[in-house]
Structure formats: structure tokens, C-alpha cells
Protein backbone atom coordinates (compact mmCIF):
# COMPACT_ATOMS: atom_id res chain seq x y z
CA MET A 1 6.51 -5.33 -20.09
CA ASN A 2 3.29 -3.67 -20.63
CA LYS A 3 2.09 -0.82 -22.86
CA HIS A 4 0.20 2.38 -22.11
CA ASP A 5 -0.33 5.17 -24.65
CA GLY A 6 2.03 3.50 -26.91
CA LYS A 7 4.98 3.51 -24.38
CA GLU A 8 6.49 0.76 -22.60
CA GLU A 9 5.97 0.82 -18.90
CA THR A 10 6.98 -1.36 -15.98
CA ILE A 11 4.52 0.37 -13.52
CA LEU A 12 0.84 0.34 -14.13
CA PRO A 13 -0.89 2.79 -11.91
CA ALA A 14 -4.86 3.58 -11.67
CA ARG A 15 -5.15 7.00 -13.29
CA TYR A 16 -7.94 9.24 -11.80
CA ASP A 17 -10.03 11.82 -13.47
CA SER A 18 -12.88 11.65 -10.76
CA LYS A 19 -13.11 10.23 -7.45
CA TRP A 20 -16.17 8.79 -5.39
CA ASN A 21 -17.05 10.68 -2.33
CA LEU A 22 -18.96 8.63 -0.01
CA LEU A 23 -19.24 11.32 2.48
CA GLN A 24 -21.03 14.70 1.87
CA GLN A 25 -18.79 17.81 2.43
CA GLY A 26 -20.55 18.62 5.47
CA GLN A 27 -20.06 15.14 6.87
CA VAL A 28 -16.39 15.46 6.22
CA GLU A 29 -16.35 18.58 8.19
CA LYS A 30 -18.00 17.07 11.10
CA ILE A 31 -15.60 13.96 11.10
CA HIS A 32 -12.63 16.54 11.29
CA ARG A 33 -14.33 18.61 14.09
CA ALA A 34 -15.11 15.49 15.97
CA SER A 35 -11.37 14.33 15.79
CA LEU A 36 -10.09 17.71 16.96
CA GLN A 37 -12.34 17.41 19.86
CA ILE A 38 -11.23 14.00 20.69
CA LEU A 39 -7.57 15.30 20.70
CA GLU A 40 -8.41 18.23 22.73
CA ARG A 41 -10.86 16.76 25.23
CA THR A 42 -9.87 13.20 25.59
CA GLY A 43 -6.27 13.30 24.52
CA ILE A 44 -3.80 10.77 22.93
CA ARG A 45 -1.03 8.95 24.50
CA MET A 46 2.30 9.91 22.87
CA PRO A 47 5.16 8.92 25.32
CA HIS A 48 8.17 10.78 23.69
CA GLU A 49 10.02 13.34 25.85
CA GLY A 50 11.18 15.33 22.99
CA LEU A 51 7.82 15.62 21.26
CA GLN A 52 6.17 16.42 24.63
CA LYS A 53 8.56 19.25 25.28
CA ALA A 54 7.92 20.66 21.82
CA LEU A 55 4.07 20.26 22.19
CA LYS A 56 4.08 22.01 25.54
CA ALA A 57 6.10 24.93 24.14
CA GLY A 58 3.44 25.00 21.37
CA GLY A 59 0.44 25.52 23.61
CA ALA A 60 -0.62 21.77 24.20
CA ARG A 61 -1.27 20.32 27.61
CA VAL A 62 0.86 17.49 28.40
CA ASP A 63 0.26 15.16 31.46
CA ARG A 64 3.91 13.62 31.97
CA GLU A 65 2.63 10.79 34.27
CA THR A 66 0.14 9.38 31.79
CA ASN A 67 1.77 10.56 28.64
CA LEU A 68 -1.43 12.03 27.43
CA VAL A 69 -1.12 15.02 25.22
CA PHE A 70 -4.29 17.37 24.61
CA TRP A 71 -4.00 19.14 21.50
CA PRO A 72 -5.21 22.74 20.82
CA PRO A 73 -7.29 22.41 17.63
CA GLU A 74 -5.67 25.35 16.04
CA LEU A 75 -2.14 23.76 16.62
CA VAL A 76 -3.27 20.60 14.75
CA GLU A 77 -4.63 22.51 11.84
CA GLU A 78 -1.52 24.85 11.69
CA LEU A 79 0.91 21.83 11.78
CA LEU A 80 -1.14 19.84 9.15
CA GLY A 81 -0.76 22.84 6.92
CA ARG A 82 2.94 22.39 6.78
CA ALA A 83 2.85 18.96 5.08
CA PRO A 84 3.79 18.94 1.37
CA ARG A 85 0.84 18.30 -1.16
CA VAL A 86 2.90 16.48 -3.76
CA PHE A 87 6.10 14.26 -3.36
CA THR A 88 7.79 11.36 -5.02
CA LEU A 89 8.46 7.85 -3.81
CA CYS A 90 11.80 7.23 -5.61
CA ALA A 91 13.10 3.88 -6.78
CA LEU A 92 16.41 2.40 -7.54
CA ASP A 93 15.54 2.66 -11.07
CA PRO A 94 14.11 6.15 -11.64
CA ALA A 95 11.82 5.13 -14.51
CA ARG A 96 10.00 3.57 -11.52
CA ASP A 97 9.50 6.57 -9.51
CA LEU A 98 5.97 7.14 -8.07
CA VAL A 99 4.62 10.67 -8.05
CA LEU A 100 1.97 11.09 -5.33
CA ASP A 101 0.04 13.81 -6.84
CA GLY A 102 -3.57 12.86 -6.35
CA SER A 103 -4.10 11.60 -9.85
CA HIS A 104 -2.49 8.09 -9.68
CA GLY A 105 -3.26 5.10 -7.68
CA TYR A 106 -0.49 2.53 -6.87
CA LEU A 107 -0.78 -1.08 -5.60
CA THR A 108 1.67 -2.77 -3.33
CA LEU A 109 1.89 -6.22 -1.45
CA ASP A 110 0.30 -6.71 1.84
CA GLY A 111 2.52 -6.81 4.89
CA SER A 112 4.16 -9.19 7.27
CA GLY A 113 2.25 -12.44 6.96
CA LEU A 114 3.63 -15.23 9.04
CA GLN A 115 2.90 -18.10 6.84
CA VAL A 116 3.33 -19.10 3.03
CA ILE A 117 1.75 -21.64 0.95
CA ASP A 118 4.73 -23.64 -0.10
CA PHE A 119 4.98 -23.12 -4.04
CA ASP A 120 5.90 -26.67 -4.76
CA SER A 121 4.15 -28.67 -2.09
CA GLY A 122 1.08 -26.52 -1.37
CA SER A 123 1.56 -27.08 2.36
CA LEU A 124 1.35 -24.36 4.84
CA ARG A 125 4.71 -23.50 6.69
CA LEU A 126 6.31 -20.53 8.46
CA SER A 127 7.90 -17.96 6.08
CA THR A 128 11.43 -17.29 5.69
CA LYS A 129 13.63 -14.60 4.05
CA LYS A 130 14.05 -16.65 0.92
CA ASP A 131 10.41 -16.88 0.43
CA LEU A 132 10.21 -13.12 0.78
CA ALA A 133 12.98 -12.76 -1.77
CA ASP A 134 10.85 -14.89 -4.20
CA ALA A 135 7.83 -12.93 -3.54
CA VAL A 136 9.66 -9.71 -4.40
CA ARG A 137 11.10 -11.09 -7.59
CA VAL A 138 7.63 -12.07 -8.73
CA ALA A 139 6.34 -8.58 -7.69
CA ASP A 140 9.31 -6.86 -9.54
CA TYR A 141 8.03 -8.56 -12.67
CA LEU A 142 4.33 -7.51 -12.24
CA GLY A 143 3.63 -4.16 -13.61
CA GLN A 144 0.51 -3.72 -11.25
CA ILE A 145 2.68 -3.94 -8.16
CA ALA A 146 4.30 -0.28 -8.11
CA PHE A 147 6.18 -0.49 -4.81
CA LEU A 148 7.17 -3.07 -2.21
CA TRP A 149 6.14 -4.24 1.21
CA PRO A 150 7.60 -7.13 3.02
CA VAL A 151 4.73 -9.24 2.37
CA ILE A 152 6.12 -12.07 4.61
CA SER A 153 8.31 -12.01 7.66
CA ALA A 154 11.97 -13.38 7.64
CA GLN A 155 11.23 -15.51 10.56
CA ASP A 156 14.52 -17.59 9.99
CA TYR A 157 16.29 -14.64 11.56
CA PRO A 158 16.38 -13.01 15.14
CA ARG A 159 13.15 -11.15 15.53
CA GLU A 160 14.99 -7.88 16.62
CA VAL A 161 16.64 -7.54 13.16
CA GLN A 162 13.92 -9.15 10.99
CA PRO A 163 13.17 -5.72 9.48
CA LEU A 164 16.65 -5.26 8.37
CA HIS A 165 16.76 -8.75 6.52
CA GLU A 166 13.48 -7.87 5.02
CA LEU A 167 14.50 -4.51 3.78
CA ALA A 168 17.74 -6.26 2.34
CA ALA A 169 15.32 -8.73 0.57
CA LEU A 170 13.42 -6.01 -1.01
CA LEU A 171 16.31 -3.93 -2.25
CA SER A 172 18.17 -6.96 -3.54
CA ASN A 173 15.40 -8.26 -5.76
CA SER A 174 13.67 -5.41 -7.03
CA THR A 175 14.44 -1.68 -8.43
CA LYS A 176 11.02 -0.64 -7.17
CA HIS A 177 10.49 1.78 -4.14
CA ALA A 178 10.50 -0.05 -0.84
CA GLN A 179 8.16 0.87 2.11
CA ALA A 180 10.09 -0.32 5.20
CA MET A 181 7.13 -0.69 7.25
CA THR A 182 8.41 -3.25 9.86
CA ALA A 183 11.04 -0.79 11.16
CA VAL A 184 9.12 0.45 14.44
CA ASN A 185 11.90 1.33 16.58
CA ALA A 186 15.21 3.42 16.75
CA LEU A 187 17.48 0.50 16.19
CA THR A 188 15.82 -0.92 13.03
CA ALA A 189 15.10 2.70 11.76
CA ARG A 190 18.87 3.41 11.92
CA GLY A 191 19.66 0.14 10.34
CA SER A 192 17.23 0.63 7.57
CA LEU A 193 18.85 3.99 6.83
CA GLU A 194 22.26 2.41 6.63
CA ILE A 195 21.04 -0.32 4.43
CA ALA A 196 19.14 2.11 2.08
CA ALA A 197 22.06 4.44 1.74
CA ALA A 198 24.47 1.65 0.80
CA ALA A 199 21.92 0.69 -1.87
CA ALA A 200 21.35 4.37 -3.08
CA GLY A 201 24.99 5.27 -3.02
CA GLY A 202 25.43 7.18 0.30
CA GLU A 203 23.55 9.25 2.71
CA GLU A 204 23.25 12.36 0.67
CA ALA A 205 22.25 10.34 -2.48
CA LEU A 206 19.45 8.76 -0.20
CA LYS A 207 18.35 12.05 1.00
CA GLU A 208 18.17 13.46 -2.43
CA ARG A 209 16.26 10.45 -3.81
CA PRO A 210 14.69 8.43 -0.89
CA ILE A 211 14.29 4.99 -2.24
CA ILE A 212 12.46 3.91 0.97
CA SER A 213 9.59 5.27 3.01
CA ASN A 214 8.15 4.30 6.41
CA PHE A 215 5.07 4.56 8.32
CA GLN A 216 4.19 3.96 12.00
CA CYS A 217 0.94 2.58 13.37
CA SER A 218 -1.05 3.86 16.28
CA ILE A 219 -2.35 1.59 18.99
CA SER A 220 -5.99 2.05 19.06
CA PRO A 221 -7.68 3.45 20.96
CA LEU A 222 -5.77 6.67 21.07
CA SER A 223 -2.24 5.59 21.61
CA TYR A 224 1.35 5.54 20.10
CA GLU A 225 4.40 3.75 21.22
CA GLY A 226 7.35 5.93 22.07
CA GLU A 227 9.66 3.74 20.01
CA GLY A 228 7.57 4.07 17.04
CA LEU A 229 7.51 7.83 17.13
CA GLU A 230 11.33 7.93 17.60
CA ALA A 231 11.61 5.74 14.50
CA ALA A 232 9.32 8.14 12.59
CA PHE A 233 11.58 11.04 13.62
CA ILE A 234 14.55 9.36 12.74
CA PHE A 235 13.29 8.48 9.38
CA ALA A 236 12.01 12.07 8.63
CA GLY A 237 15.25 13.65 9.84
CA ALA A 238 17.09 11.68 6.90
CA GLY A 239 14.64 12.83 4.40
CA ILE A 240 12.34 9.78 4.19
CA PRO A 241 8.65 10.09 3.83
CA VAL A 242 6.87 8.92 6.87
CA GLY A 243 3.16 8.03 7.03
CA PHE A 244 0.79 7.20 9.95
CA MET A 245 -1.60 4.44 9.98
CA THR A 246 -4.56 3.39 11.95
CA MET A 247 -5.71 -0.28 12.16
CA GLN A 248 -8.77 0.30 14.54
CA ILE A 249 -11.19 -2.44 14.94
CA GLY A 250 -14.98 -1.30 15.14
CA CYS A 251 -16.83 -2.79 18.32
CA SER A 252 -13.39 -3.71 19.81
CA THR A 253 -10.83 -0.95 19.79
CA ALA A 254 -13.06 1.65 18.22
CA PRO A 255 -16.73 2.48 18.33
CA GLY A 256 -19.28 0.16 16.74
CA THR A 257 -20.56 2.91 14.53
CA LEU A 258 -18.62 3.94 11.20
CA ALA A 259 -18.88 7.46 12.15
CA GLY A 260 -17.40 6.96 15.50
CA SER A 261 -14.59 4.63 14.21
CA LEU A 262 -13.64 7.10 11.46
CA ALA A 263 -13.47 10.05 13.81
CA LEU A 264 -11.36 8.01 16.37
CA GLY A 265 -8.99 6.69 13.58
CA ASN A 266 -8.92 9.83 11.77
CA ALA A 267 -7.70 11.60 15.25
CA GLU A 268 -4.91 9.17 15.68
CA ILE A 269 -3.59 9.72 12.17
CA ILE A 270 -3.71 13.65 12.18
CA ALA A 271 -2.05 13.38 15.50
CA GLY A 272 0.91 11.48 14.21
CA MET A 273 1.19 13.76 11.03
CA ALA A 274 0.94 16.85 13.21
CA ALA A 275 3.62 15.52 15.44
CA LEU A 276 5.91 14.81 12.60
CA GLN A 277 5.47 18.36 11.22
CA LEU A 278 6.16 19.79 14.58
CA MET A 279 9.57 17.85 14.92
CA HIS A 280 10.38 18.07 11.16
CA PRO A 281 8.57 20.96 9.49
CA GLY A 282 7.63 20.14 5.68
CA ALA A 283 8.52 16.42 6.04
CA PRO A 284 6.61 14.25 3.41
CA THR A 285 3.90 12.40 5.06
CA PHE A 286 0.76 10.28 4.24
CA TYR A 287 -2.54 9.27 5.62
CA GLY A 288 -2.82 5.43 6.22
CA SER A 289 -5.85 3.47 7.24
CA CYS A 290 -6.23 -0.42 7.32
CA ALA A 291 -9.50 -0.05 9.41
CA THR A 292 -11.85 -3.11 9.89
CA VAL A 293 -14.56 -4.28 12.38
CA MET A 294 -14.83 -7.16 14.93
CA GLU A 295 -16.12 -10.52 13.69
CA LEU A 296 -19.03 -10.70 16.00
CA LYS A 297 -19.30 -14.52 16.36
CA SER A 298 -15.59 -15.26 17.13
CA GLY A 299 -14.36 -12.01 18.55
CA GLY A 300 -11.61 -11.83 15.67
CA VAL A 301 -11.05 -9.41 13.01
CA ALA A 302 -13.75 -9.53 10.22
CA CYS A 303 -11.46 -8.31 7.12
CA GLY A 304 -13.47 -7.91 3.90
CA GLY A 305 -16.95 -6.76 4.53
CA PRO A 306 -18.97 -3.81 3.69
CA GLU A 307 -17.82 -1.99 6.87
CA ASP A 308 -14.28 -2.31 5.50
CA PHE A 309 -14.99 -1.16 2.03
CA ALA A 310 -16.91 1.91 3.25
CA MET A 311 -13.94 2.65 5.74
CA GLN A 312 -11.54 2.54 2.78
CA ALA A 313 -13.51 5.00 0.72
CA MET A 314 -13.99 7.39 3.64
CA SER A 315 -10.34 7.23 4.68
CA ALA A 316 -9.41 8.14 1.13
CA GLN A 317 -11.62 10.98 1.28
CA MET A 318 -10.36 12.25 4.58
CA ALA A 319 -6.80 12.18 3.28
CA ARG A 320 -7.85 14.33 0.34
CA HIS A 321 -9.48 16.68 2.81
CA TYR A 322 -5.91 17.28 4.61
CA ARG A 323 -4.37 17.44 1.00
CA VAL A 324 -1.98 14.55 1.76
CA PRO A 325 -1.63 11.21 -0.10
CA SER A 326 -3.50 8.07 1.35
CA ASN A 327 -2.25 4.62 1.80
CA ILE A 328 -5.45 2.39 2.03
CA GLY A 329 -5.54 -1.16 3.22
CA THR A 330 -7.04 -3.05 0.10
CA PHE A 331 -7.70 -6.77 -0.54
CA ALA A 332 -6.49 -9.10 2.39
CA PRO A 333 -9.69 -11.12 2.63
CA ASN A 334 -10.65 -13.32 5.37
CA ALA A 335 -10.87 -16.20 2.90
CA LYS A 336 -8.69 -19.20 3.74
CA ASP A 337 -8.08 -20.20 0.14
CA SER A 338 -7.86 -18.51 -3.27
CA ASN A 339 -11.45 -19.18 -3.93
CA TRP A 340 -14.87 -17.43 -4.84
CA HIS A 341 -14.75 -15.89 -1.24
CA ALA A 342 -11.45 -14.26 -1.92
CA GLY A 343 -12.44 -13.17 -5.27
CA VAL A 344 -15.70 -11.43 -4.15
CA GLU A 345 -13.93 -9.56 -1.26
CA ASN A 346 -10.95 -8.52 -3.22
CA ALA A 347 -12.93 -7.32 -6.09
CA SER A 348 -15.25 -5.32 -3.87
CA SER A 349 -12.31 -4.00 -1.80
CA GLY A 350 -10.25 -3.10 -4.93
CA ALA A 351 -13.28 -1.07 -6.28
CA ALA A 352 -13.99 0.76 -3.26
CA SER A 353 -10.10 1.82 -3.00
CA ILE A 354 -9.81 2.70 -6.73
CA PHE A 355 -13.05 4.49 -7.38
CA ALA A 356 -12.47 6.48 -4.01
CA GLY A 357 -9.00 7.58 -5.60
CA ALA A 358 -6.70 5.96 -3.07
CA ASP A 359 -3.14 7.09 -3.77
CA MET A 360 -1.46 3.98 -2.45
CA MET A 361 -3.24 0.59 -1.91
CA CYS A 362 -1.65 -2.13 0.18
CA GLY A 363 -2.80 -5.80 0.23
CA ALA A 364 -1.83 -7.87 -2.71
CA GLY A 365 -1.05 -11.59 -2.01
CA LEU A 366 -2.32 -12.34 1.38
CA LEU A 367 -5.16 -14.61 2.60
CA ASN A 368 -6.84 -15.37 6.09
CA GLY A 369 -6.83 -11.74 7.19
CA ALA A 370 -3.34 -10.90 6.13
CA ARG A 371 -1.67 -13.97 7.60
CA ILE A 372 -0.95 -16.42 4.88
CA PHE A 373 0.97 -15.56 1.60
CA SER A 374 0.16 -17.24 -1.66
CA PHE A 375 1.96 -16.75 -5.03
CA GLU A 376 -1.06 -17.67 -6.77
CA GLN A 377 -3.23 -14.98 -4.93
CA LEU A 378 -0.63 -12.37 -5.76
CA LEU A 379 -1.21 -12.89 -9.50
CA MET A 380 -4.94 -13.12 -9.09
CA ASP A 381 -5.05 -9.87 -7.03
CA CYS A 382 -3.02 -8.31 -9.91
CA GLU A 383 -5.56 -9.29 -12.29
CA ILE A 384 -8.37 -7.90 -10.17
CA PHE A 385 -6.54 -4.60 -9.97
CA GLU A 386 -5.86 -4.50 -13.67
CA MET A 387 -9.55 -5.12 -14.45
CA LEU A 388 -10.37 -2.28 -12.00
CA ARG A 389 -7.76 0.22 -12.96
CA ARG A 390 -8.81 -0.33 -16.68
CA THR A 391 -12.37 0.26 -15.68
CA ALA A 392 -11.67 3.38 -13.96
CA GLU A 393 -9.36 4.82 -16.76
CA ARG A 394 -10.68 7.77 -18.68
CA ILE A 395 -11.20 7.11 -22.38
CA GLU A 396 -10.05 9.42 -25.32
CA VAL A 397 -13.06 10.90 -27.35
CA ASN A 398 -11.62 12.45 -30.50
CA GLU A 399 -11.86 12.23 -34.38
CA GLU A 400 -9.65 8.87 -34.40
CA THR A 401 -11.49 7.00 -31.40
CA LEU A 402 -15.03 8.09 -32.73
CA ALA A 403 -14.35 6.27 -35.89
CA LEU A 404 -16.74 7.91 -37.94
CA ASP A 405 -15.33 7.28 -41.40
CA THR A 406 -14.79 3.64 -40.45
CA ILE A 407 -18.46 3.43 -39.45
CA HIS A 408 -19.66 5.13 -42.66
CA SER A 409 -17.36 2.76 -44.57
CA VAL A 410 -18.75 -0.33 -43.14
CA GLY A 411 -22.33 0.67 -43.03
CA PRO A 412 -25.37 -1.22 -41.87
CA GLY A 413 -25.44 -4.99 -41.64
CA ASN A 414 -21.61 -5.60 -42.02
CA HIS A 415 -18.74 -6.15 -39.55
CA TYR A 416 -15.50 -4.25 -38.39
CA MET A 417 -13.24 -7.43 -38.10
CA ALA A 418 -11.19 -6.72 -41.43
CA GLU A 419 -11.15 -2.90 -40.96
CA PRO A 420 -7.77 -1.27 -40.69
CA HIS A 421 -9.13 1.00 -37.71
CA THR A 422 -9.86 -2.33 -35.87
CA PHE A 423 -6.38 -3.82 -36.44
CA LYS A 424 -4.96 -0.48 -35.23
CA HIS A 425 -6.77 -0.46 -31.98
CA LEU A 426 -7.40 -4.09 -31.13
CA ARG A 427 -4.42 -4.55 -29.00
CA GLU A 428 -5.78 -1.86 -26.80
CA ILE A 429 -8.39 -4.33 -25.50
CA TRP A 430 -7.65 -6.04 -22.07
CA GLN A 431 -6.57 -9.45 -22.22
CA PRO A 432 -6.60 -11.64 -19.23
CA THR A 433 -3.58 -13.42 -17.77
CA VAL A 434 -4.93 -16.08 -15.39
CA ILE A 435 -8.84 -15.86 -16.14
CA ASP A 436 -9.71 -18.59 -18.93
CA ARG A 437 -11.99 -17.06 -21.61
CA SER A 438 -11.43 -19.93 -24.00
CA PRO A 439 -14.48 -21.89 -25.64
CA TYR A 440 -16.15 -24.37 -23.31
CA GLU A 441 -14.95 -27.36 -25.35
CA LYS A 442 -11.34 -26.10 -25.45
CA TRP A 443 -11.42 -25.62 -21.72
CA LEU A 444 -12.74 -29.13 -21.26
CA ALA A 445 -10.02 -30.41 -23.57
CA GLU A 446 -7.21 -28.68 -21.66
CA GLY A 447 -8.17 -30.29 -18.29
CA ARG A 448 -10.66 -27.79 -17.01
CA ARG A 449 -7.93 -25.63 -15.69
CA ASP A 450 -9.05 -22.69 -13.41
CA ALA A 451 -7.64 -19.48 -12.42
CA LEU A 452 -5.67 -20.94 -9.59
CA GLU A 453 -3.86 -23.40 -11.79
CA ASN A 454 -3.25 -20.66 -14.45
CA ALA A 455 -1.69 -18.38 -11.65
CA HIS A 456 0.49 -21.20 -10.60
CA ARG A 457 1.83 -21.70 -13.86
CA ARG A 458 2.52 -18.17 -14.44
CA ALA A 459 4.05 -17.68 -11.13
CA ALA A 460 6.44 -20.80 -11.99
CA GLU A 461 7.37 -19.20 -15.18
CA ILE A 462 8.39 -15.85 -13.54
CA LEU A 463 10.34 -17.61 -10.83
CA ALA A 464 12.19 -19.57 -13.26
CA ASN A 465 13.08 -16.78 -15.61
CA HIS A 466 12.87 -13.38 -13.78
CA ARG A 467 16.09 -12.85 -11.96
CA PRO A 468 16.77 -9.00 -11.87
CA GLU A 469 20.27 -7.82 -11.28
CA VAL A 470 19.72 -5.10 -8.91
CA LEU A 471 22.74 -4.55 -6.48
CA THR A 472 26.46 -5.19 -7.18
CA ALA A 473 28.24 -7.86 -5.13
CA GLU A 474 30.04 -5.34 -3.38
CA VAL A 475 26.96 -3.47 -2.20
CA LYS A 476 25.31 -6.61 -1.13
CA ALA A 477 28.50 -7.44 0.98
CA GLY A 478 28.34 -4.13 2.57
CA ILE A 479 24.56 -4.56 3.44
CA ASP A 480 25.43 -7.89 5.03
CA LYS A 481 27.96 -6.26 7.06
CA ILE A 482 25.56 -3.66 8.35
CA ILE A 483 23.04 -6.36 9.40
CA ALA A 484 25.87 -8.27 11.17
CA LYS A 485 26.65 -5.03 13.10
CA TYR A 486 23.26 -4.66 14.19
CA GLU A 487 22.80 -8.30 14.98
CA SER A 488 25.68 -8.05 17.27
């Protein structure tokens, strides 16, 4: 448990007083206008019959053969205005609810890695549902992780129903909010709703307090899948917050310039959010971006360079322009190991998202461009986040914190180590959990342990001792029956 302002907390968000704007206001407007022009002139593929009928009735031009939709700018802007400005991501434990109000930044895991560094042997292997359950137990313990993603895939189950097993693992091992981001078609959307309703206490209870959320990804450039749109509408119809995320790759699926890539990705996101508001007016939605650039020597994905960091900051700023929460890809370095490379990229990435005021930040725990999960990396990412969120947090300036009486009492040339004022406030000083700040001789005597080894020891303690009782045996059995129904 952690303390903030004298109160026990199980969630540790970044708290924002000010935010870094990388774009000038005139540039934000230019990006917005460019995106509207893309949607009106170039169009975006949205192969969903019900949506196309509604769009045509609303004045959009629809090509039924190509499934291209050409949006009138005024329609996009009118629909975006329907989105709520503030809403809450509810949790099984109400004390862990997350208010998305623009003044808090919440960290989550990264999503859907396919490999895990085995905690006992250190070898690399395919991930399982048990690995995900263990990762979620660790995440449940860590105050820096505010909500949950399925950080690795349940590959020991059929691919068609993996998202259902993954959601069950999230809800069975933590009372934090779960973002069911692998449910990308009607089947898994309906199954996810049944599972969440079982955990929440029924369909009406879930609608009143949505303990899950979802997002759908565009397929850059300028495409959505019909199944993903249908899943979004199913979730929204049940009162579940649904966002839209772009993962465009500069020089590959997006222009090579940051302005062009931002305009393209922004067009994809606002088209998704506008479509949701057309089909479900007032539905909670959010702006998601995991934009990157192509690695020019290999043709792969770069992940973790200055272009990524700039896109993080600019995407958070564009979300503020539309007055909706942001979900920004953060961390997920291209480093293959938990080393200096990973630390540099994740510290830079975390700083970009936090100082730009991202509402949600996804990315803790994965390496190698979001492919490999490491328990140790999760602990180290939380350490980075904690340092950054404490740096960004406002300080109190008042009679107590200015300490003028204590300064006068100590006077010149003395020290503050024995002062009551020091004892009163010294526990407010940040203390590391995996970084070693001990004297050099002590570090040598203890075997030159580095942060990776310290993180392994701490993760082992959490895995051995933290076993949250979340769902009753009856509810778990009900969820198993739901999954079995969908498997058949």
C-alpha cells in the first residue's frame, strides 16, 4: 500500500496542473482541418451496413462497392461534440475507480505479447493463460498500474476465444478496471459482456458501473474492419466505454513526415469516434494512439525513438482539442532485454506522455517492440513511472512547507537532521524499490546486485504472497460456463 496526502491508496496516478503543448494552437487547427479534408476528399473504408445507412442519411457520401465513406466536415464536428468530456472507468473495487477528467494520468500494462521470459528459468517461450494470471496478480499489487490490459496472450486456448480467457484472467486476479482490448469482433464482444456481467452482478449492474472498457484499432491507412466496428457498437450499446486507436507506421502505412502521419492517424481516430456517436449518441469514448515509424534498415517497426515520443505528446494534445480522454502508447521499447537501452527509451517515452498530460498510458512490461513480457521489466517500468509522476506532481507552498520557523531555529552553518519538521516530512521523500542507492562498499559486499536482480526478487515476493480474493467460486464457475458456451 502507498500513501498520498496522508491517505492510503492502491492507485497512484500522475496528477496534472500543467501540460506540455508541443504543437502551437494554430498547428493543432491545421492538423484538424487536414484530417477533415482527408475524410471528405480521400474517404475512409468503413464496411458496416448499418453505419453506412446512418451516414448516408446524415449527408455523407457512401460508395457501397468499395465501402468508402466520405464525411462532410460539419457532420464530423457535430458528432464529436456529442462525446462526454468526463467519465469514469469503474472497477470491481469502487476504491479503484478511475475518473477521466483531464487532471489524472493512469498507467496500464502493454497488450498482447506472444512470448514471456520464464520467471524461473529465464528462457523465452510462448505465453499461456497462467502467465497472464500471474502477471495480473503482480499488476494488482503495484499501485502504479491503475487498470489492466491482457499483457500477454492465452495461447494455450483456441485463438477464436482467447480474448474471453484473457478477460477472465484479468477479472479473476484483480479488482482493477479491465480494458478488454483483444475483443475485436461480435462473438468476443458478446462473450466479454457476458463475462463482465457475471463478475459485476448482472447486465444492469454492469451498465451502471462498467468494469470493462474496449477500443478498436483502425487499419492504416484509412480503413476499419467491419467486425471491429460491430464490436464497438455492441459494447457501446451495453454502456461500455469504447475508444479508437491508430497504430500507423510513418514511411510505411503513413507519410514519412510527422505532420502528415499525425493528420492521417487523427483522421482515422475521429472517424471512429464520430461513427460511435452517430450510432450511440453520448457513448463514452476516447482517443488512442500507438503511432510509430518504420525502422529504415530492416523495414520493421522502430518503437522507441524521438518520432514516437513526439507523436505521443502531439496525440495527447489532439485529444485535448477534441475534449476527450487520451490513451497513449508509452514504453514498449525495441530493446531485447531489460538493459540500458530499455531504460533510456522508457524514461524518454514516459516523460513525453506524462508531461504532455496523457489520461491513459499503455505499455508497461513488454520488450522487443511489445512482443516479449518480462516480470522484471514490469517492476522497472513502474519505477520509471513513479519517478516521473513524482517529478510532475505539484508541490504545496504554504506556511508549513516553507518551514521559515525551522530555518530560523537552525540558523547558518547547522543541519536539519534532528529537527521535528524534518521527521514530520522525511517519509514524503521518494524511495526506490528496484534501484540501488546504497554506498559503493555495501553494494560490492552484497554481490553487486543490479536493478534487474532487485526487480526479480521483488516480483518473486509478490507472486509468492499476493493472492487477491476477487471472485467467488460460484462466479468463476459461471464464467467458465460462459466461455465453454462460446467455445462450442
